[in-house]
Amino acid sequence: MTAAEPIGGGTTKTPVHLWIVGILSLLWNLMGVFDYLASQLELDFYLSQFTPEQLEYFNAIPAWAVAAWAFGVWGAFAGSIGLLLRRAWALWAFAVSIFGLLFSSIYSFVLSRGVEVMGSGAMVFNGIIWVVAIFLLLYTLAQLRNGVLR
């Protein structure tokens, strides 16, 4: 089986939209990777944009919520790579990212003062993240069903 053959045999050329979605997905998810790494590595130039109350909030995030955040970010990044490589496991990676996003959202918006500390913009941005994450999961599922991923 060559790189252009779907699971059921034959040949499926990589559609242009896969490259567009894959590259945009990778760029989008690299922003999440940067945010996660800059926060976890406590990079001064990045953290200097936050208020002392916001920094206190970040430092109080429990380990399970940080782990959920990590699964969300790294799952999405892996999914983007898998999509560009036309691999079926991209679907699982995006699914892992959705679960990470779910648990980090529960912490931020239900179990903590995330909206109060970060402002309503955080909730709006989180909504955008949800829309993109669900789109990428459904898009990847469609590409798997179309035989583009293997």
N, C-alpha and C. Protein backbone atom coordinates (compact mmCIF):
# COMPACT_ATOMS: atom_id res chain seq x y z
N MET A 1 0.84 -1.17 0.00
CA MET A 1 0.00 0.00 0.00
C MET A 1 0.89 1.24 0.00
N THR A 2 0.62 2.13 -0.92
CA THR A 2 1.42 3.36 -0.99
C THR A 2 0.75 4.45 -0.18
N ALA A 3 1.44 5.60 -0.06
CA ALA A 3 0.93 6.72 0.73
C ALA A 3 -0.39 7.25 0.17
N ALA A 4 -0.67 7.00 -1.10
CA ALA A 4 -1.88 7.55 -1.70
C ALA A 4 -3.05 6.58 -1.68
N GLU A 5 -2.88 5.36 -1.13
CA GLU A 5 -3.95 4.37 -1.13
C GLU A 5 -4.76 4.43 0.15
N PRO A 6 -6.10 4.46 0.03
CA PRO A 6 -6.93 4.42 1.24
C PRO A 6 -6.94 3.03 1.84
N ILE A 7 -7.57 2.88 2.98
CA ILE A 7 -7.60 1.61 3.69
C ILE A 7 -8.17 0.49 2.83
N GLY A 8 -9.21 0.78 2.07
CA GLY A 8 -9.86 -0.25 1.27
C GLY A 8 -9.19 -0.52 -0.06
N GLY A 9 -8.04 0.03 -0.33
CA GLY A 9 -7.36 -0.15 -1.61
C GLY A 9 -7.63 1.01 -2.53
N GLY A 10 -7.15 0.94 -3.77
CA GLY A 10 -7.31 2.03 -4.71
C GLY A 10 -6.40 3.19 -4.34
N THR A 11 -6.60 4.31 -4.98
CA THR A 11 -5.77 5.47 -4.67
C THR A 11 -6.65 6.67 -4.36
N THR A 12 -6.26 7.38 -3.36
CA THR A 12 -6.95 8.61 -2.99
C THR A 12 -5.89 9.70 -2.91
N LYS A 13 -6.01 10.66 -3.79
CA LYS A 13 -5.09 11.79 -3.77
C LYS A 13 -5.43 12.67 -2.57
N THR A 14 -4.41 13.22 -1.94
CA THR A 14 -4.64 14.10 -0.80
C THR A 14 -5.38 15.35 -1.28
N PRO A 15 -6.57 15.60 -0.76
CA PRO A 15 -7.31 16.78 -1.19
C PRO A 15 -6.63 18.07 -0.70
N VAL A 16 -6.74 19.10 -1.49
CA VAL A 16 -6.12 20.39 -1.14
C VAL A 16 -6.66 20.89 0.19
N HIS A 17 -7.95 20.68 0.44
CA HIS A 17 -8.52 21.17 1.70
C HIS A 17 -7.87 20.54 2.91
N LEU A 18 -7.36 19.30 2.79
CA LEU A 18 -6.68 18.68 3.92
C LEU A 18 -5.41 19.45 4.26
N TRP A 19 -4.67 19.87 3.26
CA TRP A 19 -3.45 20.65 3.50
C TRP A 19 -3.80 22.00 4.14
N ILE A 20 -4.86 22.62 3.65
CA ILE A 20 -5.26 23.92 4.20
C ILE A 20 -5.70 23.77 5.65
N VAL A 21 -6.60 22.84 5.90
CA VAL A 21 -7.08 22.62 7.27
C VAL A 21 -5.93 22.15 8.16
N GLY A 22 -5.10 21.25 7.66
CA GLY A 22 -3.99 20.73 8.46
C GLY A 22 -2.99 21.80 8.85
N ILE A 23 -2.62 22.66 7.91
CA ILE A 23 -1.64 23.72 8.21
C ILE A 23 -2.25 24.77 9.15
N LEU A 24 -3.49 25.18 8.88
CA LEU A 24 -4.15 26.14 9.78
C LEU A 24 -4.33 25.55 11.17
N SER A 25 -4.66 24.26 11.23
CA SER A 25 -4.81 23.57 12.50
C SER A 25 -3.48 23.54 13.25
N LEU A 26 -2.41 23.25 12.55
CA LEU A 26 -1.10 23.21 13.18
C LEU A 26 -0.72 24.58 13.73
N LEU A 27 -0.94 25.63 12.94
CA LEU A 27 -0.61 26.99 13.40
C LEU A 27 -1.46 27.37 14.61
N TRP A 28 -2.74 27.08 14.57
CA TRP A 28 -3.64 27.36 15.68
C TRP A 28 -3.18 26.62 16.94
N ASN A 29 -2.88 25.34 16.80
CA ASN A 29 -2.50 24.54 17.96
C ASN A 29 -1.11 24.86 18.46
N LEU A 30 -0.25 25.40 17.60
CA LEU A 30 1.06 25.86 18.07
C LEU A 30 0.91 27.05 19.02
N MET A 31 -0.14 27.86 18.82
CA MET A 31 -0.39 28.94 19.78
C MET A 31 -0.72 28.36 21.14
N GLY A 32 -1.50 27.29 21.18
CA GLY A 32 -1.81 26.63 22.44
C GLY A 32 -0.58 26.01 23.09
N VAL A 33 0.27 25.41 22.27
CA VAL A 33 1.53 24.84 22.77
C VAL A 33 2.39 25.94 23.38
N PHE A 34 2.49 27.07 22.68
CA PHE A 34 3.28 28.19 23.20
C PHE A 34 2.72 28.68 24.53
N ASP A 35 1.41 28.88 24.60
CA ASP A 35 0.77 29.35 25.83
C ASP A 35 1.04 28.39 26.97
N TYR A 36 0.87 27.10 26.71
CA TYR A 36 1.10 26.09 27.74
C TYR A 36 2.57 26.11 28.21
N LEU A 37 3.49 26.07 27.26
CA LEU A 37 4.91 26.03 27.64
C LEU A 37 5.36 27.31 28.33
N ALA A 38 4.94 28.46 27.81
CA ALA A 38 5.34 29.73 28.42
C ALA A 38 4.80 29.85 29.84
N SER A 39 3.59 29.34 30.05
CA SER A 39 3.01 29.37 31.39
C SER A 39 3.71 28.40 32.32
N GLN A 40 3.91 27.17 31.87
CA GLN A 40 4.52 26.15 32.72
C GLN A 40 5.99 26.41 33.00
N LEU A 41 6.67 27.02 32.04
CA LEU A 41 8.09 27.35 32.23
C LEU A 41 8.27 28.70 32.92
N GLU A 42 7.13 29.37 33.18
CA GLU A 42 7.09 30.65 33.87
C GLU A 42 8.01 31.68 33.20
N LEU A 43 7.85 31.83 31.90
CA LEU A 43 8.65 32.78 31.14
C LEU A 43 8.21 34.21 31.47
N ASP A 44 9.12 35.00 31.99
CA ASP A 44 8.81 36.35 32.47
C ASP A 44 8.17 37.22 31.40
N PHE A 45 8.73 37.20 30.17
CA PHE A 45 8.20 38.07 29.13
C PHE A 45 6.73 37.76 28.83
N TYR A 46 6.33 36.52 29.05
CA TYR A 46 4.95 36.12 28.79
C TYR A 46 4.05 36.42 29.98
N LEU A 47 4.51 36.05 31.16
CA LEU A 47 3.69 36.22 32.36
C LEU A 47 3.55 37.67 32.77
N SER A 48 4.41 38.55 32.27
CA SER A 48 4.36 39.96 32.64
C SER A 48 3.09 40.65 32.14
N GLN A 49 2.37 40.04 31.22
CA GLN A 49 1.13 40.63 30.71
C GLN A 49 -0.06 40.40 31.64
N PHE A 50 0.11 39.56 32.66
CA PHE A 50 -0.99 39.22 33.55
C PHE A 50 -0.89 40.02 34.86
N THR A 51 -2.05 40.24 35.48
CA THR A 51 -2.09 40.94 36.76
C THR A 51 -1.61 40.01 37.87
N PRO A 52 -1.25 40.58 39.03
CA PRO A 52 -0.87 39.72 40.17
C PRO A 52 -1.99 38.74 40.55
N GLU A 53 -3.27 39.18 40.48
CA GLU A 53 -4.38 38.29 40.81
C GLU A 53 -4.47 37.13 39.81
N GLN A 54 -4.23 37.41 38.53
CA GLN A 54 -4.26 36.36 37.51
C GLN A 54 -3.11 35.38 37.72
N LEU A 55 -1.94 35.88 38.05
CA LEU A 55 -0.79 35.00 38.31
C LEU A 55 -1.05 34.12 39.53
N GLU A 56 -1.68 34.70 40.54
CA GLU A 56 -2.03 33.92 41.73
C GLU A 56 -3.01 32.80 41.36
N TYR A 57 -3.96 33.13 40.50
CA TYR A 57 -4.92 32.14 40.02
C TYR A 57 -4.20 31.01 39.28
N PHE A 58 -3.28 31.36 38.38
CA PHE A 58 -2.52 30.35 37.62
C PHE A 58 -1.75 29.43 38.56
N ASN A 59 -1.12 30.03 39.55
CA ASN A 59 -0.28 29.24 40.47
C ASN A 59 -1.11 28.32 41.36
N ALA A 60 -2.41 28.58 41.48
CA ALA A 60 -3.27 27.76 42.33
C ALA A 60 -4.00 26.67 41.55
N ILE A 61 -3.79 26.58 40.25
CA ILE A 61 -4.47 25.55 39.47
C ILE A 61 -3.98 24.17 39.93
N PRO A 62 -4.91 23.28 40.29
CA PRO A 62 -4.49 21.95 40.78
C PRO A 62 -3.85 21.12 39.65
N ALA A 63 -3.07 20.16 40.07
CA ALA A 63 -2.32 19.33 39.12
C ALA A 63 -3.23 18.64 38.11
N TRP A 64 -4.41 18.16 38.55
CA TRP A 64 -5.30 17.47 37.62
C TRP A 64 -5.79 18.41 36.52
N ALA A 65 -6.00 19.68 36.84
CA ALA A 65 -6.45 20.64 35.83
C ALA A 65 -5.31 21.00 34.88
N VAL A 66 -4.10 21.08 35.41
CA VAL A 66 -2.93 21.32 34.55
C VAL A 66 -2.74 20.12 33.61
N ALA A 67 -2.94 18.91 34.15
CA ALA A 67 -2.83 17.71 33.32
C ALA A 67 -3.90 17.71 32.22
N ALA A 68 -5.11 18.12 32.57
CA ALA A 68 -6.18 18.21 31.56
C ALA A 68 -5.80 19.21 30.48
N TRP A 69 -5.26 20.35 30.89
CA TRP A 69 -4.81 21.37 29.95
C TRP A 69 -3.74 20.78 29.02
N ALA A 70 -2.80 20.03 29.60
CA ALA A 70 -1.73 19.41 28.81
C ALA A 70 -2.31 18.42 27.79
N PHE A 71 -3.24 17.58 28.22
CA PHE A 71 -3.86 16.64 27.28
C PHE A 71 -4.58 17.38 26.16
N GLY A 72 -5.25 18.48 26.51
CA GLY A 72 -5.94 19.27 25.50
C GLY A 72 -4.99 19.86 24.48
N VAL A 73 -3.93 20.48 24.96
CA VAL A 73 -2.97 21.14 24.08
C VAL A 73 -2.17 20.14 23.24
N TRP A 74 -1.58 19.16 23.91
CA TRP A 74 -0.71 18.22 23.19
C TRP A 74 -1.51 17.24 22.34
N GLY A 75 -2.72 16.90 22.75
CA GLY A 75 -3.58 16.07 21.91
C GLY A 75 -3.93 16.78 20.62
N ALA A 76 -4.28 18.06 20.72
CA ALA A 76 -4.61 18.85 19.53
C ALA A 76 -3.40 19.00 18.61
N PHE A 77 -2.24 19.25 19.20
CA PHE A 77 -1.01 19.37 18.41
C PHE A 77 -0.71 18.06 17.68
N ALA A 78 -0.81 16.95 18.40
CA ALA A 78 -0.58 15.63 17.78
C ALA A 78 -1.61 15.37 16.69
N GLY A 79 -2.86 15.75 16.94
CA GLY A 79 -3.90 15.57 15.93
C GLY A 79 -3.59 16.34 14.65
N SER A 80 -3.08 17.55 14.79
CA SER A 80 -2.71 18.35 13.62
C SER A 80 -1.60 17.68 12.82
N ILE A 81 -0.62 17.17 13.54
CA ILE A 81 0.49 16.45 12.87
C ILE A 81 -0.06 15.21 12.17
N GLY A 82 -0.90 14.46 12.87
CA GLY A 82 -1.50 13.25 12.29
C GLY A 82 -2.33 13.56 11.07
N LEU A 83 -3.06 14.66 11.10
CA LEU A 83 -3.86 15.06 9.95
C LEU A 83 -2.96 15.33 8.75
N LEU A 84 -1.88 16.07 8.96
CA LEU A 84 -0.95 16.37 7.86
C LEU A 84 -0.25 15.11 7.34
N LEU A 85 -0.05 14.14 8.23
CA LEU A 85 0.57 12.87 7.82
C LEU A 85 -0.46 11.88 7.27
N ARG A 86 -1.73 12.29 7.30
CA ARG A 86 -2.84 11.46 6.82
C ARG A 86 -2.95 10.15 7.61
N ARG A 87 -2.85 10.26 8.90
CA ARG A 87 -2.91 9.09 9.78
C ARG A 87 -4.25 9.03 10.51
N ALA A 88 -4.81 7.84 10.61
CA ALA A 88 -6.10 7.63 11.27
C ALA A 88 -6.04 7.98 12.76
N TRP A 89 -4.87 7.84 13.37
CA TRP A 89 -4.75 8.12 14.80
C TRP A 89 -4.97 9.61 15.11
N ALA A 90 -5.00 10.45 14.11
CA ALA A 90 -5.29 11.87 14.34
C ALA A 90 -6.65 12.02 15.01
N LEU A 91 -7.59 11.15 14.66
CA LEU A 91 -8.92 11.20 15.27
C LEU A 91 -8.83 10.98 16.77
N TRP A 92 -8.05 10.00 17.19
CA TRP A 92 -7.89 9.71 18.62
C TRP A 92 -7.19 10.86 19.32
N ALA A 93 -6.21 11.45 18.66
CA ALA A 93 -5.50 12.58 19.27
C ALA A 93 -6.45 13.76 19.48
N PHE A 94 -7.29 14.06 18.48
CA PHE A 94 -8.26 15.14 18.64
C PHE A 94 -9.29 14.80 19.71
N ALA A 95 -9.66 13.52 19.83
CA ALA A 95 -10.60 13.11 20.88
C ALA A 95 -9.99 13.33 22.27
N VAL A 96 -8.72 12.98 22.42
CA VAL A 96 -8.01 13.21 23.68
C VAL A 96 -8.01 14.71 23.99
N SER A 97 -7.78 15.53 22.98
CA SER A 97 -7.75 16.98 23.20
C SER A 97 -9.11 17.49 23.66
N ILE A 98 -10.19 16.93 23.13
CA ILE A 98 -11.54 17.34 23.55
C ILE A 98 -11.77 17.01 25.02
N PHE A 99 -11.33 15.82 25.44
CA PHE A 99 -11.49 15.45 26.85
C PHE A 99 -10.65 16.36 27.75
N GLY A 100 -9.44 16.67 27.32
CA GLY A 100 -8.61 17.61 28.08
C GLY A 100 -9.27 18.97 28.18
N LEU A 101 -9.82 19.44 27.06
CA LEU A 101 -10.51 20.72 27.03
C LEU A 101 -11.74 20.69 27.94
N LEU A 102 -12.46 19.59 27.94
CA LEU A 102 -13.64 19.45 28.79
C LEU A 102 -13.29 19.64 30.26
N PHE A 103 -12.28 18.90 30.73
CA PHE A 103 -11.94 18.95 32.14
C PHE A 103 -11.27 20.27 32.53
N SER A 104 -10.48 20.84 31.64
CA SER A 104 -9.89 22.15 31.97
C SER A 104 -10.96 23.23 31.96
N SER A 105 -11.95 23.11 31.09
CA SER A 105 -13.07 24.08 31.07
C SER A 105 -13.92 23.95 32.33
N ILE A 106 -14.16 22.72 32.77
CA ILE A 106 -14.92 22.51 34.00
C ILE A 106 -14.21 23.19 35.17
N TYR A 107 -12.90 23.01 35.23
CA TYR A 107 -12.17 23.66 36.32
C TYR A 107 -12.26 25.18 36.20
N SER A 108 -11.98 25.69 35.02
CA SER A 108 -11.90 27.14 34.84
C SER A 108 -13.23 27.86 35.04
N PHE A 109 -14.31 27.24 34.59
CA PHE A 109 -15.58 27.96 34.56
C PHE A 109 -16.64 27.46 35.54
N VAL A 110 -16.36 26.32 36.20
CA VAL A 110 -17.33 25.79 37.16
C VAL A 110 -16.73 25.69 38.55
N LEU A 111 -15.53 25.15 38.65
CA LEU A 111 -14.94 24.86 39.95
C LEU A 111 -14.03 25.95 40.49
N SER A 112 -13.79 26.99 39.71
CA SER A 112 -12.89 28.04 40.17
C SER A 112 -13.47 29.40 39.78
N ARG A 113 -12.72 30.42 40.07
CA ARG A 113 -13.13 31.78 39.75
C ARG A 113 -12.54 32.25 38.42
N GLY A 114 -12.41 31.35 37.47
CA GLY A 114 -11.76 31.66 36.21
C GLY A 114 -12.34 32.85 35.48
N VAL A 115 -13.65 32.93 35.37
CA VAL A 115 -14.27 34.06 34.66
C VAL A 115 -14.05 35.35 35.43
N GLU A 116 -14.21 35.29 36.75
CA GLU A 116 -14.02 36.47 37.59
C GLU A 116 -12.59 37.02 37.47
N VAL A 117 -11.62 36.12 37.50
CA VAL A 117 -10.22 36.54 37.49
C VAL A 117 -9.75 36.90 36.08
N MET A 118 -10.13 36.10 35.10
CA MET A 118 -9.62 36.30 33.74
C MET A 118 -10.52 37.20 32.89
N GLY A 119 -11.76 37.39 33.31
CA GLY A 119 -12.68 38.25 32.57
C GLY A 119 -13.53 37.43 31.60
N SER A 120 -14.58 38.07 31.11
CA SER A 120 -15.52 37.38 30.22
C SER A 120 -14.88 37.02 28.88
N GLY A 121 -13.82 37.74 28.50
CA GLY A 121 -13.11 37.41 27.26
C GLY A 121 -12.55 36.00 27.27
N ALA A 122 -12.18 35.53 28.46
CA ALA A 122 -11.66 34.16 28.58
C ALA A 122 -12.73 33.15 28.22
N MET A 123 -13.96 33.44 28.61
CA MET A 123 -15.06 32.53 28.29
C MET A 123 -15.33 32.55 26.79
N VAL A 124 -15.29 33.72 26.18
CA VAL A 124 -15.50 33.83 24.73
C VAL A 124 -14.40 33.07 23.99
N PHE A 125 -13.15 33.29 24.39
CA PHE A 125 -12.04 32.60 23.72
C PHE A 125 -12.14 31.10 23.91
N ASN A 126 -12.56 30.66 25.10
CA ASN A 126 -12.74 29.24 25.34
C ASN A 126 -13.81 28.68 24.41
N GLY A 127 -14.86 29.46 24.16
CA GLY A 127 -15.91 29.04 23.22
C GLY A 127 -15.36 28.86 21.82
N ILE A 128 -14.47 29.77 21.41
CA ILE A 128 -13.83 29.65 20.09
C ILE A 128 -12.98 28.39 20.04
N ILE A 129 -12.25 28.11 21.10
CA ILE A 129 -11.44 26.89 21.17
C ILE A 129 -12.33 25.66 21.01
N TRP A 130 -13.49 25.66 21.68
CA TRP A 130 -14.42 24.54 21.56
C TRP A 130 -14.90 24.37 20.12
N VAL A 131 -15.26 25.46 19.46
CA VAL A 131 -15.74 25.38 18.07
C VAL A 131 -14.66 24.79 17.17
N VAL A 132 -13.43 25.27 17.31
CA VAL A 132 -12.33 24.76 16.48
C VAL A 132 -12.06 23.29 16.80
N ALA A 133 -12.04 22.93 18.07
CA ALA A 133 -11.77 21.54 18.47
C ALA A 133 -12.81 20.57 17.92
N ILE A 134 -14.08 20.96 18.02
CA ILE A 134 -15.15 20.09 17.50
C ILE A 134 -15.08 20.01 15.98
N PHE A 135 -14.81 21.14 15.33
CA PHE A 135 -14.66 21.12 13.87
C PHE A 135 -13.54 20.16 13.46
N LEU A 136 -12.38 20.25 14.13
CA LEU A 136 -11.25 19.40 13.76
C LEU A 136 -11.56 17.93 13.99
N LEU A 137 -12.26 17.62 15.06
CA LEU A 137 -12.65 16.23 15.31
C LEU A 137 -13.58 15.73 14.21
N LEU A 138 -14.60 16.50 13.88
CA LEU A 138 -15.56 16.09 12.85
C LEU A 138 -14.93 16.05 11.46
N TYR A 139 -14.07 17.01 11.17
CA TYR A 139 -13.37 17.03 9.88
C TYR A 139 -12.49 15.79 9.73
N THR A 140 -11.77 15.46 10.80
CA THR A 140 -10.89 14.29 10.77
C THR A 140 -11.69 13.01 10.62
N LEU A 141 -12.82 12.92 11.30
CA LEU A 141 -13.70 11.76 11.15
C LEU A 141 -14.18 11.63 9.71
N ALA A 142 -14.56 12.74 9.09
CA ALA A 142 -15.00 12.71 7.69
C ALA A 142 -13.88 12.26 6.77
N GLN A 143 -12.66 12.72 7.02
CA GLN A 143 -11.54 12.32 6.17
C GLN A 143 -11.20 10.85 6.35
N LEU A 144 -11.39 10.36 7.56
CA LEU A 144 -11.18 8.92 7.80
C LEU A 144 -12.22 8.11 7.04
N ARG A 145 -13.47 8.53 7.12
CA ARG A 145 -14.54 7.83 6.41
C ARG A 145 -14.39 7.93 4.90
N ASN A 146 -13.81 9.01 4.41
CA ASN A 146 -13.58 9.19 2.97
C ASN A 146 -12.35 8.45 2.45
N GLY A 147 -11.62 7.79 3.35
CA GLY A 147 -10.45 7.04 2.93
C GLY A 147 -9.20 7.88 2.74
N VAL A 148 -9.23 9.12 3.19
CA VAL A 148 -8.06 9.99 3.04
C VAL A 148 -7.01 9.67 4.09
N LEU A 149 -7.45 9.27 5.28
CA LEU A 149 -6.53 8.91 6.35
C LEU A 149 -6.37 7.40 6.42
N ARG A 150 -5.21 6.98 6.87
CA ARG A 150 -4.96 5.53 6.97
C ARG A 150 -4.27 5.18 8.27
